[in-house]
Amino acid sequence: MESVREPLAASGAIEVAVDKGVVTLNGQVASLSQKRMAGVLAWWVPGSRDVINGLEISPPEEDNDDEVIDGIRLALEKDPFVNATQIRVRCRDYAVTLEGLVTNETERRMAEADAWYVFRVDSVKNLLQHQE
C-alpha cells in the first residue's frame, strides 16, 4: 500500500469535564471557529445545562462580529434540524439578529438556540418567520 497524503498533524487538545449537567471545556485549539464549534457541540449533548468554554486559541486571534457570524453560520449549517439556506445572520457589537424563513416554530426556536450557543454572543433578536 502507498499513502496518498500525510495525515494532518494534531494541534491542540480539548479537556472536557461534566458536573451536574455543566460542561467545562479547557485546553487549546487552533482557531476561534474551533472554539465556537466545540461549545455548540457541547450544548447539543442531551442533558447539558450550561457550557463553560475556557478553550484558548493558539496562536491568538482577534475576535469581531464577522467571526461571530461565521460561527453562527457554521452552527446553523451543521444542525440537522435547521435549514440554514434561508437564514440571514447579522451581528453588531456581539448582538445577533436572525432574519429569513424557516418551516415551523420548532425550527425557529432551534435556530435561535444555535445562535445563543455560540461563544461571545451577548444577545439574539429572532426575526425568523414561518408559514402557519
N, C-alpha and C. Protein backbone atom coordinates (compact mmCIF):
# COMPACT_ATOMS: atom_id res chain seq x y z
N MET A 1 0.82 -1.18 0.00
CA MET A 1 0.00 0.00 0.00
C MET A 1 0.87 1.24 0.00
N GLU A 2 0.36 2.26 -0.69
CA GLU A 2 1.08 3.52 -0.75
C GLU A 2 0.18 4.62 -0.20
N SER A 3 0.74 5.45 0.65
CA SER A 3 -0.01 6.56 1.24
C SER A 3 -0.13 7.69 0.23
N VAL A 4 -1.37 8.19 0.04
CA VAL A 4 -1.57 9.25 -0.95
C VAL A 4 -1.38 10.65 -0.35
N ARG A 5 -1.58 10.75 0.95
CA ARG A 5 -1.33 12.02 1.61
C ARG A 5 -1.02 11.75 3.07
N GLU A 6 -0.34 12.68 3.65
CA GLU A 6 0.01 12.56 5.06
C GLU A 6 -1.13 13.10 5.91
N PRO A 7 -1.42 12.47 7.03
CA PRO A 7 -2.48 12.99 7.90
C PRO A 7 -2.05 14.33 8.49
N LEU A 8 -3.03 15.17 8.75
CA LEU A 8 -2.75 16.47 9.36
C LEU A 8 -2.22 16.26 10.77
N ALA A 9 -1.27 17.07 11.15
CA ALA A 9 -0.74 16.99 12.49
C ALA A 9 -1.78 17.52 13.47
N ALA A 10 -1.97 16.80 14.56
CA ALA A 10 -2.93 17.23 15.57
C ALA A 10 -2.40 18.49 16.24
N SER A 11 -3.29 19.45 16.42
CA SER A 11 -2.89 20.65 17.13
C SER A 11 -3.92 20.93 18.20
N GLY A 12 -3.45 21.16 19.40
CA GLY A 12 -4.35 21.45 20.49
C GLY A 12 -4.95 20.19 21.09
N ALA A 13 -5.61 20.39 22.20
CA ALA A 13 -6.29 19.30 22.88
C ALA A 13 -7.42 19.91 23.68
N ILE A 14 -8.53 19.19 23.76
CA ILE A 14 -9.68 19.67 24.50
C ILE A 14 -9.92 18.74 25.67
N GLU A 15 -9.98 19.31 26.86
CA GLU A 15 -10.32 18.56 28.06
C GLU A 15 -11.76 18.88 28.40
N VAL A 16 -12.56 17.84 28.63
CA VAL A 16 -13.97 18.01 28.92
C VAL A 16 -14.26 17.49 30.32
N ALA A 17 -14.95 18.30 31.10
CA ALA A 17 -15.41 17.87 32.42
C ALA A 17 -16.90 18.18 32.51
N VAL A 18 -17.64 17.28 33.15
CA VAL A 18 -19.08 17.46 33.31
C VAL A 18 -19.44 17.26 34.77
N ASP A 19 -20.17 18.23 35.32
CA ASP A 19 -20.63 18.14 36.70
C ASP A 19 -22.06 18.63 36.77
N LYS A 20 -22.99 17.71 37.03
CA LYS A 20 -24.43 18.04 37.15
C LYS A 20 -24.95 18.79 35.92
N GLY A 21 -24.53 18.37 34.75
CA GLY A 21 -25.01 18.96 33.50
C GLY A 21 -24.25 20.18 33.05
N VAL A 22 -23.27 20.63 33.83
CA VAL A 22 -22.44 21.78 33.44
C VAL A 22 -21.17 21.24 32.78
N VAL A 23 -21.00 21.57 31.51
CA VAL A 23 -19.86 21.10 30.74
C VAL A 23 -18.78 22.18 30.76
N THR A 24 -17.57 21.80 31.12
CA THR A 24 -16.45 22.72 31.11
C THR A 24 -15.45 22.25 30.06
N LEU A 25 -15.11 23.15 29.14
CA LEU A 25 -14.13 22.87 28.10
C LEU A 25 -12.87 23.66 28.40
N ASN A 26 -11.76 22.97 28.50
CA ASN A 26 -10.46 23.61 28.69
C ASN A 26 -9.47 23.01 27.70
N GLY A 27 -8.37 23.70 27.53
CA GLY A 27 -7.34 23.23 26.62
C GLY A 27 -7.06 24.27 25.56
N GLN A 28 -6.61 23.78 24.42
CA GLN A 28 -6.14 24.68 23.36
C GLN A 28 -6.63 24.19 22.01
N VAL A 29 -7.09 25.15 21.19
CA VAL A 29 -7.49 24.86 19.82
C VAL A 29 -6.83 25.87 18.89
N ALA A 30 -6.91 25.62 17.60
CA ALA A 30 -6.16 26.42 16.63
C ALA A 30 -6.92 27.65 16.11
N SER A 31 -8.23 27.77 16.39
CA SER A 31 -8.96 28.91 15.84
C SER A 31 -10.21 29.22 16.65
N LEU A 32 -10.72 30.44 16.48
CA LEU A 32 -11.98 30.83 17.10
C LEU A 32 -13.12 29.93 16.61
N SER A 33 -13.09 29.55 15.33
CA SER A 33 -14.12 28.68 14.78
C SER A 33 -14.16 27.35 15.52
N GLN A 34 -12.98 26.79 15.81
CA GLN A 34 -12.93 25.52 16.53
C GLN A 34 -13.46 25.69 17.96
N LYS A 35 -13.10 26.79 18.61
CA LYS A 35 -13.58 27.06 19.97
C LYS A 35 -15.10 27.16 19.97
N ARG A 36 -15.62 27.91 19.01
CA ARG A 36 -17.07 28.10 18.95
C ARG A 36 -17.80 26.79 18.64
N MET A 37 -17.30 26.02 17.69
CA MET A 37 -17.98 24.77 17.33
C MET A 37 -17.92 23.76 18.47
N ALA A 38 -16.81 23.71 19.20
CA ALA A 38 -16.72 22.81 20.36
C ALA A 38 -17.78 23.17 21.39
N GLY A 39 -17.99 24.46 21.60
CA GLY A 39 -19.02 24.90 22.54
C GLY A 39 -20.42 24.52 22.07
N VAL A 40 -20.69 24.73 20.80
CA VAL A 40 -22.01 24.37 20.25
C VAL A 40 -22.25 22.87 20.39
N LEU A 41 -21.26 22.07 20.05
CA LEU A 41 -21.41 20.61 20.17
C LEU A 41 -21.68 20.20 21.61
N ALA A 42 -21.02 20.87 22.56
CA ALA A 42 -21.26 20.56 23.98
C ALA A 42 -22.70 20.91 24.36
N TRP A 43 -23.23 22.01 23.86
CA TRP A 43 -24.62 22.37 24.12
C TRP A 43 -25.59 21.37 23.53
N TRP A 44 -25.26 20.80 22.39
CA TRP A 44 -26.15 19.85 21.73
C TRP A 44 -26.28 18.52 22.46
N VAL A 45 -25.38 18.22 23.36
CA VAL A 45 -25.43 16.94 24.08
C VAL A 45 -26.63 16.98 25.04
N PRO A 46 -27.52 15.99 24.92
CA PRO A 46 -28.68 15.96 25.82
C PRO A 46 -28.25 16.00 27.29
N GLY A 47 -28.94 16.83 28.07
CA GLY A 47 -28.63 16.95 29.49
C GLY A 47 -27.71 18.11 29.83
N SER A 48 -27.14 18.77 28.81
CA SER A 48 -26.28 19.93 29.09
C SER A 48 -27.14 21.08 29.61
N ARG A 49 -26.76 21.61 30.77
CA ARG A 49 -27.48 22.75 31.35
C ARG A 49 -26.72 24.05 31.14
N ASP A 50 -25.40 23.95 31.02
CA ASP A 50 -24.56 25.12 30.81
C ASP A 50 -23.23 24.65 30.23
N VAL A 51 -22.57 25.53 29.49
CA VAL A 51 -21.25 25.23 28.93
C VAL A 51 -20.32 26.37 29.30
N ILE A 52 -19.23 26.02 29.93
CA ILE A 52 -18.19 26.99 30.25
C ILE A 52 -17.05 26.73 29.28
N ASN A 53 -16.88 27.65 28.34
CA ASN A 53 -15.90 27.46 27.27
C ASN A 53 -14.61 28.20 27.61
N GLY A 54 -13.69 27.47 28.21
CA GLY A 54 -12.42 28.05 28.60
C GLY A 54 -11.30 27.71 27.63
N LEU A 55 -11.65 27.31 26.41
CA LEU A 55 -10.62 26.95 25.43
C LEU A 55 -9.80 28.17 25.02
N GLU A 56 -8.50 27.99 24.93
CA GLU A 56 -7.61 29.04 24.47
C GLU A 56 -7.30 28.82 23.00
N ILE A 57 -7.09 29.91 22.28
CA ILE A 57 -6.76 29.84 20.86
C ILE A 57 -5.27 30.09 20.71
N SER A 58 -4.60 29.16 20.01
CA SER A 58 -3.17 29.32 19.79
C SER A 58 -2.85 29.04 18.33
N PRO A 59 -2.31 30.03 17.62
CA PRO A 59 -1.98 31.37 18.10
C PRO A 59 -3.24 32.21 18.29
N PRO A 60 -3.18 33.22 19.17
CA PRO A 60 -4.36 34.05 19.45
C PRO A 60 -4.89 34.73 18.19
N GLU A 61 -6.21 34.90 18.15
CA GLU A 61 -6.87 35.58 17.03
C GLU A 61 -7.68 36.75 17.57
N GLU A 62 -7.84 37.77 16.76
CA GLU A 62 -8.67 38.91 17.09
C GLU A 62 -10.14 38.52 16.88
N ASP A 63 -10.97 38.74 17.89
CA ASP A 63 -12.40 38.43 17.75
C ASP A 63 -13.14 39.66 17.24
N ASN A 64 -14.23 39.43 16.50
CA ASN A 64 -15.04 40.53 15.99
C ASN A 64 -16.40 39.98 15.55
N ASP A 65 -17.28 40.89 15.15
CA ASP A 65 -18.62 40.49 14.74
C ASP A 65 -18.62 39.51 13.57
N ASP A 66 -17.72 39.71 12.61
CA ASP A 66 -17.67 38.81 11.45
C ASP A 66 -17.32 37.38 11.88
N GLU A 67 -16.43 37.25 12.85
CA GLU A 67 -16.08 35.92 13.37
C GLU A 67 -17.28 35.26 14.04
N VAL A 68 -18.07 36.06 14.76
CA VAL A 68 -19.28 35.53 15.40
C VAL A 68 -20.27 35.06 14.34
N ILE A 69 -20.46 35.86 13.29
CA ILE A 69 -21.35 35.48 12.20
C ILE A 69 -20.90 34.16 11.59
N ASP A 70 -19.60 34.02 11.35
CA ASP A 70 -19.07 32.77 10.79
C ASP A 70 -19.38 31.59 11.72
N GLY A 71 -19.24 31.79 13.02
CA GLY A 71 -19.53 30.72 13.98
C GLY A 71 -20.99 30.33 13.98
N ILE A 72 -21.87 31.32 13.89
CA ILE A 72 -23.31 31.03 13.86
C ILE A 72 -23.68 30.33 12.56
N ARG A 73 -23.15 30.81 11.45
CA ARG A 73 -23.43 30.16 10.15
C ARG A 73 -23.02 28.69 10.21
N LEU A 74 -21.83 28.43 10.74
CA LEU A 74 -21.34 27.05 10.85
C LEU A 74 -22.28 26.21 11.72
N ALA A 75 -22.70 26.75 12.86
CA ALA A 75 -23.61 26.01 13.74
C ALA A 75 -24.93 25.72 13.04
N LEU A 76 -25.49 26.72 12.36
CA LEU A 76 -26.76 26.53 11.66
C LEU A 76 -26.63 25.49 10.54
N GLU A 77 -25.52 25.53 9.82
CA GLU A 77 -25.31 24.59 8.72
C GLU A 77 -25.09 23.16 9.22
N LYS A 78 -24.52 23.01 10.41
CA LYS A 78 -24.26 21.67 10.96
C LYS A 78 -25.47 21.09 11.68
N ASP A 79 -26.43 21.95 12.05
CA ASP A 79 -27.60 21.48 12.79
C ASP A 79 -28.53 20.73 11.83
N PRO A 80 -28.74 19.43 12.05
CA PRO A 80 -29.59 18.66 11.12
C PRO A 80 -31.07 19.04 11.18
N PHE A 81 -31.47 19.81 12.18
CA PHE A 81 -32.87 20.19 12.34
C PHE A 81 -33.17 21.60 11.84
N VAL A 82 -32.15 22.25 11.26
CA VAL A 82 -32.32 23.62 10.77
C VAL A 82 -31.88 23.69 9.31
N ASN A 83 -32.71 24.33 8.49
CA ASN A 83 -32.32 24.59 7.10
C ASN A 83 -31.74 26.00 7.06
N ALA A 84 -30.43 26.10 7.03
CA ALA A 84 -29.74 27.39 7.13
C ALA A 84 -29.80 28.21 5.84
N THR A 85 -30.27 27.63 4.75
CA THR A 85 -30.19 28.32 3.46
C THR A 85 -31.04 29.57 3.39
N GLN A 86 -32.10 29.65 4.20
CA GLN A 86 -32.99 30.81 4.16
C GLN A 86 -32.81 31.74 5.36
N ILE A 87 -31.72 31.56 6.11
CA ILE A 87 -31.49 32.36 7.31
C ILE A 87 -30.33 33.33 7.09
N ARG A 88 -30.59 34.61 7.36
CA ARG A 88 -29.56 35.64 7.32
C ARG A 88 -29.14 35.96 8.75
N VAL A 89 -27.84 36.14 8.96
CA VAL A 89 -27.31 36.44 10.28
C VAL A 89 -26.60 37.79 10.22
N ARG A 90 -26.98 38.67 11.13
CA ARG A 90 -26.27 39.95 11.28
C ARG A 90 -25.76 40.04 12.71
N CYS A 91 -24.69 40.80 12.91
CA CYS A 91 -24.12 40.95 14.24
C CYS A 91 -23.48 42.33 14.37
N ARG A 92 -23.79 43.00 15.45
CA ARG A 92 -23.17 44.29 15.74
C ARG A 92 -22.87 44.33 17.24
N ASP A 93 -21.61 44.52 17.56
CA ASP A 93 -21.18 44.53 18.97
C ASP A 93 -21.66 43.28 19.70
N TYR A 94 -21.58 42.14 19.03
CA TYR A 94 -21.92 40.82 19.57
C TYR A 94 -23.41 40.64 19.85
N ALA A 95 -24.23 41.55 19.33
CA ALA A 95 -25.69 41.40 19.36
C ALA A 95 -26.12 40.85 18.01
N VAL A 96 -26.78 39.71 18.00
CA VAL A 96 -27.09 38.98 16.79
C VAL A 96 -28.55 39.17 16.40
N THR A 97 -28.79 39.29 15.09
CA THR A 97 -30.15 39.31 14.55
C THR A 97 -30.27 38.20 13.52
N LEU A 98 -31.31 37.39 13.67
CA LEU A 98 -31.62 36.32 12.71
C LEU A 98 -32.84 36.76 11.90
N GLU A 99 -32.73 36.67 10.57
CA GLU A 99 -33.84 37.03 9.69
C GLU A 99 -33.98 35.96 8.62
N GLY A 100 -35.20 35.85 8.08
CA GLY A 100 -35.43 34.91 6.99
C GLY A 100 -36.61 34.01 7.28
N LEU A 101 -36.63 32.88 6.58
CA LEU A 101 -37.75 31.96 6.65
C LEU A 101 -37.32 30.59 7.16
N VAL A 102 -38.18 30.01 7.99
CA VAL A 102 -38.00 28.64 8.44
C VAL A 102 -39.33 27.92 8.23
N THR A 103 -39.34 26.60 8.36
CA THR A 103 -40.55 25.85 8.04
C THR A 103 -41.58 25.82 9.17
N ASN A 104 -41.13 25.96 10.43
CA ASN A 104 -42.07 25.89 11.55
C ASN A 104 -41.48 26.54 12.80
N GLU A 105 -42.30 26.62 13.84
CA GLU A 105 -41.88 27.28 15.09
C GLU A 105 -40.74 26.53 15.77
N THR A 106 -40.73 25.22 15.67
CA THR A 106 -39.65 24.43 16.28
C THR A 106 -38.31 24.79 15.64
N GLU A 107 -38.26 24.86 14.32
CA GLU A 107 -37.03 25.22 13.63
C GLU A 107 -36.61 26.65 13.99
N ARG A 108 -37.58 27.54 14.14
CA ARG A 108 -37.31 28.93 14.54
C ARG A 108 -36.62 28.97 15.90
N ARG A 109 -37.16 28.22 16.86
CA ARG A 109 -36.57 28.18 18.21
C ARG A 109 -35.19 27.52 18.20
N MET A 110 -35.03 26.47 17.39
CA MET A 110 -33.73 25.77 17.33
C MET A 110 -32.66 26.68 16.73
N ALA A 111 -33.00 27.44 15.70
CA ALA A 111 -32.03 28.36 15.10
C ALA A 111 -31.62 29.42 16.12
N GLU A 112 -32.56 29.92 16.89
CA GLU A 112 -32.22 30.90 17.93
C GLU A 112 -31.30 30.29 18.98
N ALA A 113 -31.63 29.06 19.40
CA ALA A 113 -30.78 28.38 20.39
C ALA A 113 -29.37 28.20 19.84
N ASP A 114 -29.24 27.81 18.58
CA ASP A 114 -27.91 27.65 17.98
C ASP A 114 -27.12 28.95 18.05
N ALA A 115 -27.78 30.08 17.80
CA ALA A 115 -27.09 31.38 17.88
C ALA A 115 -26.63 31.65 19.31
N TRP A 116 -27.49 31.37 20.28
CA TRP A 116 -27.12 31.58 21.68
C TRP A 116 -25.95 30.69 22.10
N TYR A 117 -25.85 29.49 21.53
CA TYR A 117 -24.80 28.55 21.90
C TYR A 117 -23.41 29.00 21.47
N VAL A 118 -23.33 29.95 20.54
CA VAL A 118 -22.04 30.38 20.01
C VAL A 118 -21.35 31.30 21.00
N PHE A 119 -20.11 30.97 21.32
CA PHE A 119 -19.31 31.75 22.26
C PHE A 119 -19.24 33.21 21.85
N ARG A 120 -19.44 34.09 22.78
CA ARG A 120 -19.29 35.55 22.68
C ARG A 120 -20.57 36.27 22.28
N VAL A 121 -21.65 35.55 21.99
CA VAL A 121 -22.92 36.19 21.65
C VAL A 121 -23.53 36.77 22.92
N ASP A 122 -23.87 38.07 22.87
CA ASP A 122 -24.44 38.75 24.03
C ASP A 122 -25.96 38.81 24.00
N SER A 123 -26.54 38.86 22.79
CA SER A 123 -28.00 38.88 22.68
C SER A 123 -28.40 38.35 21.31
N VAL A 124 -29.64 37.86 21.22
CA VAL A 124 -30.17 37.34 19.96
C VAL A 124 -31.56 37.92 19.75
N LYS A 125 -31.74 38.56 18.61
CA LYS A 125 -33.06 39.05 18.20
C LYS A 125 -33.53 38.12 17.08
N ASN A 126 -34.60 37.38 17.36
CA ASN A 126 -35.07 36.37 16.41
C ASN A 126 -36.23 36.94 15.60
N LEU A 127 -35.94 37.33 14.36
CA LEU A 127 -36.96 37.84 13.45
C LEU A 127 -37.34 36.81 12.39
N LEU A 128 -36.97 35.54 12.62
CA LEU A 128 -37.30 34.49 11.67
C LEU A 128 -38.81 34.32 11.60
N GLN A 129 -39.31 34.07 10.40
CA GLN A 129 -40.73 33.87 10.18
C GLN A 129 -40.99 32.50 9.59
N HIS A 130 -42.18 31.99 9.83
CA HIS A 130 -42.57 30.71 9.24
C HIS A 130 -44.02 30.77 8.81
N GLN A 131 -44.35 29.93 7.86
CA GLN A 131 -45.72 29.82 7.36
C GLN A 131 -46.55 29.02 8.36
N GLU A 132 -47.72 29.48 8.69
CA GLU A 132 -48.59 28.76 9.63
C GLU A 132 -49.37 27.71 8.89
